[in-house]
């Protein structure tokens, strides 16, 4: 399954991506975001 995440470097987006990666499903995650000073890497 392909999932497009916008804002994946922010607090909510990064935690959402982490939860997806913890599942055993076969996900392809594409993150679209601007890497600015408030980004959560």
Protein backbone atom coordinates (compact mmCIF):
# COMPACT_ATOMS: atom_id res chain seq x y z
CA UNK A 1 0.00 0.00 0.00
CA UNK A 2 1.31 3.46 -0.86
CA UNK A 3 0.70 6.28 1.62
CA UNK A 4 1.40 9.95 0.91
CA UNK A 5 2.02 12.00 4.06
CA UNK A 6 2.15 15.79 3.92
CA UNK A 7 3.81 17.43 6.90
CA UNK A 8 5.70 14.32 7.97
CA UNK A 9 8.49 16.32 9.62
CA UNK A 10 6.14 17.94 12.12
CA UNK A 11 5.11 16.55 15.50
CA UNK A 12 1.90 14.85 14.41
CA UNK A 13 3.17 13.74 11.00
CA UNK A 14 6.39 12.22 12.34
CA UNK A 15 4.52 10.26 15.03
CA UNK A 16 2.00 9.09 12.43
CA UNK A 17 4.84 7.78 10.23
CA UNK A 18 6.49 6.06 13.22
CA UNK A 19 3.22 4.27 14.04
CA UNK A 20 2.89 3.14 10.42
CA UNK A 21 6.44 1.79 10.42
CA UNK A 22 5.81 -0.17 13.65
CA UNK A 23 3.05 -2.17 11.97
CA UNK A 24 4.00 -5.33 10.10
CA UNK A 25 2.10 -4.33 6.95
CA UNK A 26 3.91 -3.61 3.71
CA UNK A 27 3.72 0.19 3.47
CA UNK A 28 5.47 2.49 1.03
CA UNK A 29 5.50 5.90 2.71
CA UNK A 30 6.16 9.08 0.73
CA UNK A 31 6.70 12.22 2.80
CA UNK A 32 6.22 15.70 1.34
CA UNK A 33 7.34 18.51 3.61
CA UNK A 34 9.50 21.63 3.84
CA UNK A 35 12.53 21.06 6.08
CA UNK A 36 12.47 24.21 8.22
CA UNK A 37 13.73 25.15 11.68
CA UNK A 38 10.72 23.56 13.43
CA UNK A 39 11.11 20.15 11.82
CA UNK A 40 11.08 17.05 14.00
CA UNK A 41 13.64 14.64 12.53
